[in-house]
PDB file of all heavy atoms in Angstrom:
ATOM      1  N   GLU A   1      27.769 -49.980 -77.005  1.00  0.00           N
ATOM      2  CA  GLU A   1      28.925 -49.109 -77.236  1.00  0.00           C
ATOM      3  C   GLU A   1      28.486 -47.796 -77.876  1.00  0.00           C
ATOM      4  O   GLU A   1      28.968 -46.720 -77.522  1.00  0.00           O
ATOM      5  CB  GLU A   1      29.936 -49.822 -78.142  1.00  0.00           C
ATOM      6  CG  GLU A   1      31.169 -48.987 -78.439  1.00  0.00           C
ATOM      7  CD  GLU A   1      32.051 -49.627 -79.501  1.00  0.00           C
ATOM      8  OE1 GLU A   1      31.701 -50.732 -79.985  1.00  0.00           O
ATOM      9  OE2 GLU A   1      33.061 -49.005 -79.865  1.00  0.00           O
ATOM     10  N   HIS A   2      27.554 -47.893 -78.839  1.00  0.00           N
ATOM     11  CA  HIS A   2      27.071 -46.688 -79.514  1.00  0.00           C
ATOM     12  C   HIS A   2      26.374 -45.742 -78.537  1.00  0.00           C
ATOM     13  O   HIS A   2      26.666 -44.537 -78.518  1.00  0.00           O
ATOM     14  CB  HIS A   2      26.102 -47.085 -80.636  1.00  0.00           C
ATOM     15  CG  HIS A   2      25.388 -45.922 -81.244  1.00  0.00           C
ATOM     16  ND1 HIS A   2      26.012 -45.045 -82.105  1.00  0.00           N
ATOM     17  CD2 HIS A   2      24.105 -45.473 -81.096  1.00  0.00           C
ATOM     18  CE1 HIS A   2      25.147 -44.100 -82.461  1.00  0.00           C
ATOM     19  NE2 HIS A   2      23.988 -44.340 -81.869  1.00  0.00           N
ATOM     20  N   LEU A   3      25.464 -46.265 -77.721  1.00  0.00           N
ATOM     21  CA  LEU A   3      24.719 -45.415 -76.791  1.00  0.00           C
ATOM     22  C   LEU A   3      25.616 -44.845 -75.700  1.00  0.00           C
ATOM     23  O   LEU A   3      25.365 -43.744 -75.196  1.00  0.00           O
ATOM     24  CB  LEU A   3      23.570 -46.216 -76.161  1.00  0.00           C
ATOM     25  CG  LEU A   3      22.456 -46.670 -77.113  1.00  0.00           C
ATOM     26  CD1 LEU A   3      21.428 -47.504 -76.365  1.00  0.00           C
ATOM     27  CD2 LEU A   3      21.790 -45.481 -77.786  1.00  0.00           C
ATOM     28  N   ASP A   4      26.681 -45.568 -75.331  1.00  0.00           N
ATOM     29  CA  ASP A   4      27.569 -45.122 -74.256  1.00  0.00           C
ATOM     30  C   ASP A   4      28.601 -44.104 -74.727  1.00  0.00           C
ATOM     31  O   ASP A   4      29.022 -43.244 -73.945  1.00  0.00           O
ATOM     32  CB  ASP A   4      28.282 -46.313 -73.613  1.00  0.00           C
ATOM     33  CG  ASP A   4      27.320 -47.200 -72.826  1.00  0.00           C
ATOM     34  OD1 ASP A   4      26.217 -46.731 -72.507  1.00  0.00           O
ATOM     35  OD2 ASP A   4      27.680 -48.363 -72.563  1.00  0.00           O
ATOM     36  N   THR A   5      29.046 -44.213 -75.979  1.00  0.00           N
ATOM     37  CA  THR A   5      30.189 -43.415 -76.439  1.00  0.00           C
ATOM     38  C   THR A   5      29.862 -42.363 -77.479  1.00  0.00           C
ATOM     39  O   THR A   5      30.635 -41.417 -77.647  1.00  0.00           O
ATOM     40  CB  THR A   5      31.281 -44.341 -77.015  1.00  0.00           C
ATOM     41  OG1 THR A   5      30.740 -45.056 -78.156  1.00  0.00           O
ATOM     42  CG2 THR A   5      31.741 -45.347 -75.971  1.00  0.00           C
ATOM     43  N   SER A   6      28.764 -42.494 -78.201  1.00  0.00           N
ATOM     44  CA  SER A   6      28.480 -41.555 -79.289  1.00  0.00           C
ATOM     45  C   SER A   6      28.200 -40.163 -78.734  1.00  0.00           C
ATOM     46  O   SER A   6      27.508 -39.999 -77.728  1.00  0.00           O
ATOM     47  CB  SER A   6      27.286 -42.035 -80.113  1.00  0.00           C
ATOM     48  OG  SER A   6      26.133 -42.134 -79.309  1.00  0.00           O
ATOM     49  N   THR A   7      28.754 -39.169 -79.400  1.00  0.00           N
ATOM     50  CA  THR A   7      28.569 -37.778 -78.978  1.00  0.00           C
ATOM     51  C   THR A   7      27.903 -36.932 -80.053  1.00  0.00           C
ATOM     52  O   THR A   7      27.303 -35.901 -79.757  1.00  0.00           O
ATOM     53  CB  THR A   7      29.929 -37.150 -78.630  1.00  0.00           C
ATOM     54  OG1 THR A   7      30.815 -37.276 -79.760  1.00  0.00           O
ATOM     55  CG2 THR A   7      30.550 -37.832 -77.418  1.00  0.00           C
ATOM     56  N   ILE A   8      28.004 -37.366 -81.318  1.00  0.00           N
ATOM     57  CA  ILE A   8      27.444 -36.579 -82.423  1.00  0.00           C
ATOM     58  C   ILE A   8      26.063 -37.093 -82.811  1.00  0.00           C
ATOM     59  O   ILE A   8      25.089 -36.351 -82.821  1.00  0.00           O
ATOM     60  CB  ILE A   8      28.386 -36.609 -83.641  1.00  0.00           C
ATOM     61  CG1 ILE A   8      29.738 -35.999 -83.261  1.00  0.00           C
ATOM     62  CG2 ILE A   8      27.772 -35.847 -84.805  1.00  0.00           C
ATOM     63  CD1 ILE A   8      30.761 -36.070 -84.347  1.00  0.00           C
ATOM     64  N   PHE A   9      25.978 -38.367 -83.115  1.00  0.00           N
ATOM     65  CA  PHE A   9      24.701 -38.965 -83.525  1.00  0.00           C
ATOM     66  C   PHE A   9      24.397 -40.169 -82.635  1.00  0.00           C
ATOM     67  O   PHE A   9      25.105 -41.165 -82.679  1.00  0.00           O
ATOM     68  CB  PHE A   9      24.763 -39.400 -84.992  1.00  0.00           C
ATOM     69  CG  PHE A   9      23.540 -40.174 -85.428  1.00  0.00           C
ATOM     70  CD1 PHE A   9      22.368 -39.513 -85.749  1.00  0.00           C
ATOM     71  CD2 PHE A   9      23.558 -41.559 -85.485  1.00  0.00           C
ATOM     72  CE1 PHE A   9      21.245 -40.205 -86.135  1.00  0.00           C
ATOM     73  CE2 PHE A   9      22.445 -42.275 -85.866  1.00  0.00           C
ATOM     74  CZ  PHE A   9      21.278 -41.591 -86.194  1.00  0.00           C
ATOM     75  N   ARG A  10      23.336 -40.041 -81.818  1.00  0.00           N
ATOM     76  CA  ARG A  10      22.911 -41.159 -80.973  1.00  0.00           C
ATOM     77  C   ARG A  10      21.649 -41.809 -81.516  1.00  0.00           C
ATOM     78  O   ARG A  10      21.360 -42.959 -81.252  1.00  0.00           O
ATOM     79  CB  ARG A  10      22.688 -40.711 -79.526  1.00  0.00           C
ATOM     80  CG  ARG A  10      23.946 -40.216 -78.842  1.00  0.00           C
ATOM     81  CD  ARG A  10      23.694 -39.919 -77.373  1.00  0.00           C
ATOM     82  NE  ARG A  10      23.668 -41.155 -76.585  1.00  0.00           N
ATOM     83  CZ  ARG A  10      22.642 -41.574 -75.876  1.00  0.00           C
ATOM     84  NH1 ARG A  10      21.514 -40.875 -75.888  1.00  0.00           N
ATOM     85  NH2 ARG A  10      22.699 -42.690 -75.167  1.00  0.00           N
ATOM     86  N   GLY A  11      20.844 -41.025 -82.247  1.00  0.00           N
ATOM     87  CA  GLY A  11      19.614 -41.565 -82.818  1.00  0.00           C
ATOM     88  C   GLY A  11      18.466 -41.637 -81.846  1.00  0.00           C
ATOM     89  O   GLY A  11      17.510 -42.372 -82.072  1.00  0.00           O
ATOM     90  N   THR A  12      18.543 -40.877 -80.752  1.00  0.00           N
ATOM     91  CA  THR A  12      17.491 -40.949 -79.727  1.00  0.00           C
ATOM     92  C   THR A  12      16.725 -39.647 -79.564  1.00  0.00           C
ATOM     93  O   THR A  12      15.752 -39.603 -78.810  1.00  0.00           O
ATOM     94  CB  THR A  12      18.113 -41.321 -78.370  1.00  0.00           C
ATOM     95  OG1 THR A  12      19.114 -40.349 -78.021  1.00  0.00           O
ATOM     96  CG2 THR A  12      18.744 -42.700 -78.430  1.00  0.00           C
ATOM     97  N   SER A  13      17.122 -38.598 -80.257  1.00  0.00           N
ATOM     98  CA  SER A  13      16.439 -37.312 -80.105  1.00  0.00           C
ATOM     99  C   SER A  13      15.057 -37.358 -80.747  1.00  0.00           C
ATOM    100  O   SER A  13      14.750 -38.228 -81.568  1.00  0.00           O
ATOM    101  CB  SER A  13      17.263 -36.186 -80.737  1.00  0.00           C
ATOM    102  OG  SER A  13      17.316 -36.355 -82.147  1.00  0.00           O
ATOM    103  N   VAL A  14      14.227 -36.388 -80.388  1.00  0.00           N
ATOM    104  CA  VAL A  14      12.859 -36.310 -80.926  1.00  0.00           C
ATOM    105  C   VAL A  14      12.887 -36.143 -82.443  1.00  0.00           C
ATOM    106  O   VAL A  14      12.131 -36.796 -83.172  1.00  0.00           O
ATOM    107  CB  VAL A  14      12.100 -35.135 -80.266  1.00  0.00           C
ATOM    108  CG1 VAL A  14      10.754 -34.921 -80.954  1.00  0.00           C
ATOM    109  CG2 VAL A  14      11.898 -35.399 -78.785  1.00  0.00           C
ATOM    110  N   SER A  15      13.760 -35.265 -82.933  1.00  0.00           N
ATOM    111  CA  SER A  15      13.823 -35.011 -84.383  1.00  0.00           C
ATOM    112  C   SER A  15      14.272 -36.254 -85.148  1.00  0.00           C
ATOM    113  O   SER A  15      13.743 -36.548 -86.228  1.00  0.00           O
ATOM    114  CB  SER A  15      14.776 -33.848 -84.671  1.00  0.00           C
ATOM    115  OG  SER A  15      16.083 -34.137 -84.173  1.00  0.00           O
ATOM    116  N   ILE A  16      15.232 -37.004 -84.584  1.00  0.00           N
ATOM    117  CA  ILE A  16      15.691 -38.226 -85.252  1.00  0.00           C
ATOM    118  C   ILE A  16      14.579 -39.274 -85.264  1.00  0.00           C
ATOM    119  O   ILE A  16      14.364 -39.973 -86.265  1.00  0.00           O
ATOM    120  CB  ILE A  16      16.950 -38.784 -84.556  1.00  0.00           C
ATOM    121  CG1 ILE A  16      18.132 -37.825 -84.734  1.00  0.00           C
ATOM    122  CG2 ILE A  16      17.304 -40.157 -85.111  1.00  0.00           C
ATOM    123  CD1 ILE A  16      18.528 -37.597 -86.182  1.00  0.00           C
ATOM    124  N   GLN A  17      13.849 -39.400 -84.164  1.00  0.00           N
ATOM    125  CA  GLN A  17      12.722 -40.336 -84.127  1.00  0.00           C
ATOM    126  C   GLN A  17      11.706 -39.995 -85.211  1.00  0.00           C
ATOM    127  O   GLN A  17      11.232 -40.877 -85.938  1.00  0.00           O
ATOM    128  CB  GLN A  17      12.055 -40.303 -82.752  1.00  0.00           C
ATOM    129  CG  GLN A  17      12.917 -40.879 -81.630  1.00  0.00           C
ATOM    130  CD  GLN A  17      12.208 -40.832 -80.291  1.00  0.00           C
ATOM    131  OE1 GLN A  17      11.039 -41.161 -80.175  1.00  0.00           O
ATOM    132  NE2 GLN A  17      12.926 -40.404 -79.256  1.00  0.00           N
ATOM    133  N   ASN A  18      11.391 -38.711 -85.328  1.00  0.00           N
ATOM    134  CA  ASN A  18      10.437 -38.278 -86.356  1.00  0.00           C
ATOM    135  C   ASN A  18      10.980 -38.523 -87.758  1.00  0.00           C
ATOM    136  O   ASN A  18      10.240 -38.931 -88.664  1.00  0.00           O
ATOM    137  CB  ASN A  18      10.096 -36.802 -86.178  1.00  0.00           C
ATOM    138  CG  ASN A  18       9.261 -36.547 -84.939  1.00  0.00           C
ATOM    139  OD1 ASN A  18       8.564 -37.448 -84.469  1.00  0.00           O
ATOM    140  ND2 ASN A  18       9.308 -35.345 -84.411  1.00  0.00           N
ATOM    141  N   ASP A  19      12.277 -38.273 -87.947  1.00  0.00           N
ATOM    142  CA  ASP A  19      12.884 -38.515 -89.257  1.00  0.00           C
ATOM    143  C   ASP A  19      12.825 -39.996 -89.624  1.00  0.00           C
ATOM    144  O   ASP A  19      12.554 -40.348 -90.791  1.00  0.00           O
ATOM    145  CB  ASP A  19      14.342 -38.040 -89.268  1.00  0.00           C
ATOM    146  CG  ASP A  19      14.457 -36.523 -89.278  1.00  0.00           C
ATOM    147  OD1 ASP A  19      13.448 -35.874 -89.615  1.00  0.00           O
ATOM    148  OD2 ASP A  19      15.532 -36.003 -88.950  1.00  0.00           O
ATOM    149  N   LEU A  20      13.085 -40.868 -88.661  1.00  0.00           N
ATOM    150  CA  LEU A  20      13.026 -42.304 -88.923  1.00  0.00           C
ATOM    151  C   LEU A  20      11.606 -42.731 -89.261  1.00  0.00           C
ATOM    152  O   LEU A  20      11.380 -43.513 -90.202  1.00  0.00           O
ATOM    153  CB  LEU A  20      13.530 -43.074 -87.702  1.00  0.00           C
ATOM    154  CG  LEU A  20      15.036 -43.015 -87.426  1.00  0.00           C
ATOM    155  CD1 LEU A  20      15.357 -43.668 -86.083  1.00  0.00           C
ATOM    156  CD2 LEU A  20      15.819 -43.708 -88.534  1.00  0.00           C
ATOM    157  N   ILE A  21      10.636 -42.217 -88.518  1.00  0.00           N
ATOM    158  CA  ILE A  21       9.230 -42.550 -88.787  1.00  0.00           C
ATOM    159  C   ILE A  21       8.845 -42.106 -90.191  1.00  0.00           C
ATOM    160  O   ILE A  21       8.244 -42.869 -90.964  1.00  0.00           O
ATOM    161  CB  ILE A  21       8.312 -41.888 -87.737  1.00  0.00           C
ATOM    162  CG1 ILE A  21       8.562 -42.501 -86.359  1.00  0.00           C
ATOM    163  CG2 ILE A  21       6.842 -42.049 -88.121  1.00  0.00           C
ATOM    164  CD1 ILE A  21       7.869 -41.762 -85.230  1.00  0.00           C
ATOM    165  N   ASN A  22       9.195 -40.862 -90.545  1.00  0.00           N
ATOM    166  CA  ASN A  22       8.848 -40.339 -91.873  1.00  0.00           C
ATOM    167  C   ASN A  22       9.564 -41.094 -92.983  1.00  0.00           C
ATOM    168  O   ASN A  22       8.983 -41.344 -94.053  1.00  0.00           O
ATOM    169  CB  ASN A  22       9.188 -38.848 -91.950  1.00  0.00           C
ATOM    170  CG  ASN A  22       8.305 -38.005 -91.060  1.00  0.00           C
ATOM    171  OD1 ASN A  22       7.159 -38.361 -90.789  1.00  0.00           O
ATOM    172  ND2 ASN A  22       8.826 -36.886 -90.569  1.00  0.00           N
ATOM    173  N   SER A  23      10.823 -41.472 -92.743  1.00  0.00           N
ATOM    174  CA  SER A  23      11.584 -42.216 -93.762  1.00  0.00           C
ATOM    175  C   SER A  23      10.974 -43.588 -94.005  1.00  0.00           C
ATOM    176  O   SER A  23      10.836 -44.028 -95.153  1.00  0.00           O
ATOM    177  CB  SER A  23      13.048 -42.356 -93.323  1.00  0.00           C
ATOM    178  OG  SER A  23      13.658 -41.096 -93.195  1.00  0.00           O
ATOM    179  N   ILE A  24      10.608 -44.279 -92.932  1.00  0.00           N
ATOM    180  CA  ILE A  24       9.980 -45.597 -93.067  1.00  0.00           C
ATOM    181  C   ILE A  24       8.639 -45.463 -93.768  1.00  0.00           C
ATOM    182  O   ILE A  24       8.280 -46.282 -94.632  1.00  0.00           O
ATOM    183  CB  ILE A  24       9.813 -46.255 -91.690  1.00  0.00           C
ATOM    184  CG1 ILE A  24      11.190 -46.579 -91.093  1.00  0.00           C
ATOM    185  CG2 ILE A  24       8.978 -47.534 -91.782  1.00  0.00           C
ATOM    186  CD1 ILE A  24      11.162 -47.018 -89.653  1.00  0.00           C
ATOM    187  N   ALA A  25       7.878 -44.407 -93.422  1.00  0.00           N
ATOM    188  CA  ALA A  25       6.589 -44.170 -94.082  1.00  0.00           C
ATOM    189  C   ALA A  25       6.785 -43.929 -95.575  1.00  0.00           C
ATOM    190  O   ALA A  25       5.998 -44.421 -96.405  1.00  0.00           O
ATOM    191  CB  ALA A  25       5.887 -42.981 -93.444  1.00  0.00           C
ATOM    192  N   ASP A  26       7.841 -43.194 -95.934  1.00  0.00           N
ATOM    193  CA  ASP A  26       8.118 -42.943 -97.356  1.00  0.00           C
ATOM    194  C   ASP A  26       8.448 -44.228 -98.096  1.00  0.00           C
ATOM    195  O   ASP A  26       8.029 -44.429 -99.243  1.00  0.00           O
ATOM    196  CB  ASP A  26       9.278 -41.948 -97.495  1.00  0.00           C
ATOM    197  CG  ASP A  26       8.881 -40.539 -97.076  1.00  0.00           C
ATOM    198  OD1 ASP A  26       7.672 -40.256 -97.046  1.00  0.00           O
ATOM    199  OD2 ASP A  26       9.785 -39.738 -96.767  1.00  0.00           O
ATOM    200  N   VAL A  27       9.219 -45.104 -97.451  1.00  0.00           N
ATOM    201  CA  VAL A  27       9.558 -46.392 -98.077  1.00  0.00           C
ATOM    202  C   VAL A  27       8.301 -47.235 -98.298  1.00  0.00           C
ATOM    203  O   VAL A  27       8.104 -47.836 -99.356  1.00  0.00           O
ATOM    204  CB  VAL A  27      10.574 -47.167 -97.205  1.00  0.00           C
ATOM    205  CG1 VAL A  27      10.767 -48.594 -97.729  1.00  0.00           C
ATOM    206  CG2 VAL A  27      11.911 -46.439 -97.181  1.00  0.00           C
ATOM    207  N   ILE A  28       7.420 -47.259 -97.291  1.00  0.00           N
ATOM    208  CA  ILE A  28       6.179 -48.030 -97.402  1.00  0.00           C
ATOM    209  C   ILE A  28       5.303 -47.474 -98.517  1.00  0.00           C
ATOM    210  O   ILE A  28       4.762 -48.223 -99.349  1.00  0.00           O
ATOM    211  CB  ILE A  28       5.419 -48.015 -96.063  1.00  0.00           C
ATOM    212  CG1 ILE A  28       6.213 -48.783 -95.001  1.00  0.00           C
ATOM    213  CG2 ILE A  28       4.029 -48.633 -96.217  1.00  0.00           C
ATOM    214  CD1 ILE A  28       5.623 -48.685 -93.611  1.00  0.00           C
ATOM    215  N   LYS A  29       5.178 -46.143 -98.567  1.00  0.00           N
ATOM    216  CA  LYS A  29       4.363 -45.525 -99.615  1.00  0.00           C
ATOM    217  C   LYS A  29       4.955 -45.773-100.997  1.00  0.00           C
ATOM    218  O   LYS A  29       4.219 -45.925-101.977  1.00  0.00           O
ATOM    219  CB  LYS A  29       4.227 -44.021 -99.350  1.00  0.00           C
ATOM    220  CG  LYS A  29       3.327 -43.691 -98.177  1.00  0.00           C
ATOM    221  CD  LYS A  29       3.221 -42.194 -97.959  1.00  0.00           C
ATOM    222  CE  LYS A  29       2.311 -41.879 -96.764  1.00  0.00           C
ATOM    223  NZ  LYS A  29       2.224 -40.417 -96.506  1.00  0.00           N
ATOM    224  N   HIS A  30       6.283 -45.831-101.076  1.00  0.00           N
ATOM    225  CA  HIS A  30       6.930 -46.132-102.358  1.00  0.00           C
ATOM    226  C   HIS A  30       6.606 -47.559-102.806  1.00  0.00           C
ATOM    227  O   HIS A  30       6.358 -47.811-103.993  1.00  0.00           O
ATOM    228  CB  HIS A  30       8.445 -45.950-102.228  1.00  0.00           C
ATOM    229  CG  HIS A  30       9.195 -46.195-103.499  1.00  0.00           C
ATOM    230  ND1 HIS A  30       9.117 -45.348-104.592  1.00  0.00           N
ATOM    231  CD2 HIS A  30      10.023 -47.205-103.860  1.00  0.00           C
ATOM    232  CE1 HIS A  30       9.865 -45.826-105.561  1.00  0.00           C
ATOM    233  NE2 HIS A  30      10.428 -46.943-105.141  1.00  0.00           N
ATOM    234  N   GLU A  31       6.589 -48.498-101.852  1.00  0.00           N
ATOM    235  CA  GLU A  31       6.216 -49.878-102.191  1.00  0.00           C
ATOM    236  C   GLU A  31       4.759 -49.955-102.621  1.00  0.00           C
ATOM    237  O   GLU A  31       4.412 -50.687-103.548  1.00  0.00           O
ATOM    238  CB  GLU A  31       6.450 -50.783-100.968  1.00  0.00           C
ATOM    239  CG  GLU A  31       7.918 -51.027-100.650  1.00  0.00           C
ATOM    240  CD  GLU A  31       8.652 -51.722-101.787  1.00  0.00           C
ATOM    241  OE1 GLU A  31       8.100 -52.698-102.340  1.00  0.00           O
ATOM    242  OE2 GLU A  31       9.755 -51.277-102.138  1.00  0.00           O
ATOM    243  N   ILE A  32       3.893 -49.199-101.941  1.00  0.00           N
ATOM    244  CA  ILE A  32       2.484 -49.157-102.334  1.00  0.00           C
ATOM    245  C   ILE A  32       2.355 -48.594-103.750  1.00  0.00           C
ATOM    246  O   ILE A  32       1.585 -49.105-104.575  1.00  0.00           O
ATOM    247  CB  ILE A  32       1.678 -48.306-101.334  1.00  0.00           C
ATOM    248  CG1 ILE A  32       1.645 -48.982 -99.964  1.00  0.00           C
ATOM    249  CG2 ILE A  32       0.250 -48.072-101.838  1.00  0.00           C
ATOM    250  CD1 ILE A  32       1.005 -48.139 -98.875  1.00  0.00           C
ATOM    251  N   PHE A  33       3.123 -47.550-104.026  1.00  0.00           N
ATOM    252  CA  PHE A  33       3.108 -46.943-105.363  1.00  0.00           C
ATOM    253  C   PHE A  33       3.511 -47.964-106.425  1.00  0.00           C
ATOM    254  O   PHE A  33       2.874 -48.069-107.484  1.00  0.00           O
ATOM    255  CB  PHE A  33       4.057 -45.744-105.392  1.00  0.00           C
ATOM    256  CG  PHE A  33       4.164 -45.077-106.744  1.00  0.00           C
ATOM    257  CD1 PHE A  33       3.232 -44.136-107.133  1.00  0.00           C
ATOM    258  CD2 PHE A  33       5.182 -45.418-107.616  1.00  0.00           C
ATOM    259  CE1 PHE A  33       3.323 -43.526-108.377  1.00  0.00           C
ATOM    260  CE2 PHE A  33       5.290 -44.822-108.856  1.00  0.00           C
ATOM    261  CZ  PHE A  33       4.357 -43.866-109.241  1.00  0.00           C
ATOM    262  N   ASN A  34       4.558 -48.730-106.157  1.00  0.00           N
ATOM    263  CA  ASN A  34       5.011 -49.744-107.121  1.00  0.00           C
ATOM    264  C   ASN A  34       3.958 -50.831-107.306  1.00  0.00           C
ATOM    265  O   ASN A  34       3.758 -51.326-108.436  1.00  0.00           O
ATOM    266  CB  ASN A  34       6.323 -50.367-106.640  1.00  0.00           C
ATOM    267  CG  ASN A  34       7.482 -49.401-106.726  1.00  0.00           C
ATOM    268  OD1 ASN A  34       7.443 -48.437-107.488  1.00  0.00           O
ATOM    269  ND2 ASN A  34       8.507 -49.621-105.928  1.00  0.00           N
ATOM    270  N   GLU A  35       3.290 -51.228-106.228  1.00  0.00           N
ATOM    271  CA  GLU A  35       2.229 -52.231-106.343  1.00  0.00           C
ATOM    272  C   GLU A  35       1.088 -51.717-107.214  1.00  0.00           C
ATOM    273  O   GLU A  35       0.551 -52.444-108.063  1.00  0.00           O
ATOM    274  CB  GLU A  35       1.681 -52.585-104.953  1.00  0.00           C
ATOM    275  CG  GLU A  35       2.514 -53.594-104.191  1.00  0.00           C
ATOM    276  CD  GLU A  35       1.801 -54.093-102.940  1.00  0.00           C
ATOM    277  OE1 GLU A  35       0.845 -53.441-102.493  1.00  0.00           O
ATOM    278  OE2 GLU A  35       2.217 -55.140-102.419  1.00  0.00           O
ATOM    279  N   ILE A  36       0.735 -50.455-107.004  1.00  0.00           N
ATOM    280  CA  ILE A  36      -0.396 -49.878-107.741  1.00  0.00           C
ATOM    281  C   ILE A  36      -0.096 -49.775-109.234  1.00  0.00           C
ATOM    282  O   ILE A  36      -0.999 -49.895-110.063  1.00  0.00           O
ATOM    283  CB  ILE A  36      -0.753 -48.500-107.140  1.00  0.00           C
ATOM    284  CG1 ILE A  36      -1.392 -48.698-105.768  1.00  0.00           C
ATOM    285  CG2 ILE A  36      -1.691 -47.720-108.048  1.00  0.00           C
ATOM    286  CD1 ILE A  36      -1.723 -47.414-105.049  1.00  0.00           C
ATOM    287  N   GLN A  37       1.176 -49.567-109.590  1.00  0.00           N
ATOM    288  CA  GLN A  37       1.513 -49.475-111.004  1.00  0.00           C
ATOM    289  C   GLN A  37       1.275 -50.797-111.740  1.00  0.00           C
ATOM    290  O   GLN A  37       1.129 -50.816-112.964  1.00  0.00           O
ATOM    291  CB  GLN A  37       2.984 -49.049-111.174  1.00  0.00           C
ATOM    292  CG  GLN A  37       3.331 -47.738-110.493  1.00  0.00           C
ATOM    293  CD  GLN A  37       2.313 -46.649-110.733  1.00  0.00           C
ATOM    294  OE1 GLN A  37       2.051 -46.268-111.882  1.00  0.00           O
ATOM    295  NE2 GLN A  37       1.723 -46.140-109.649  1.00  0.00           N
TER     296      GLN A  37
END
């Protein structure tokens, strides 16, 4: 339903893919930071 009907945010553009990758990387690095402490 989301992919068929969404007009504002579909989550499939290049910029959104990059944002998701960077966000996940930030979460992982934050967990690494907490482990190191």
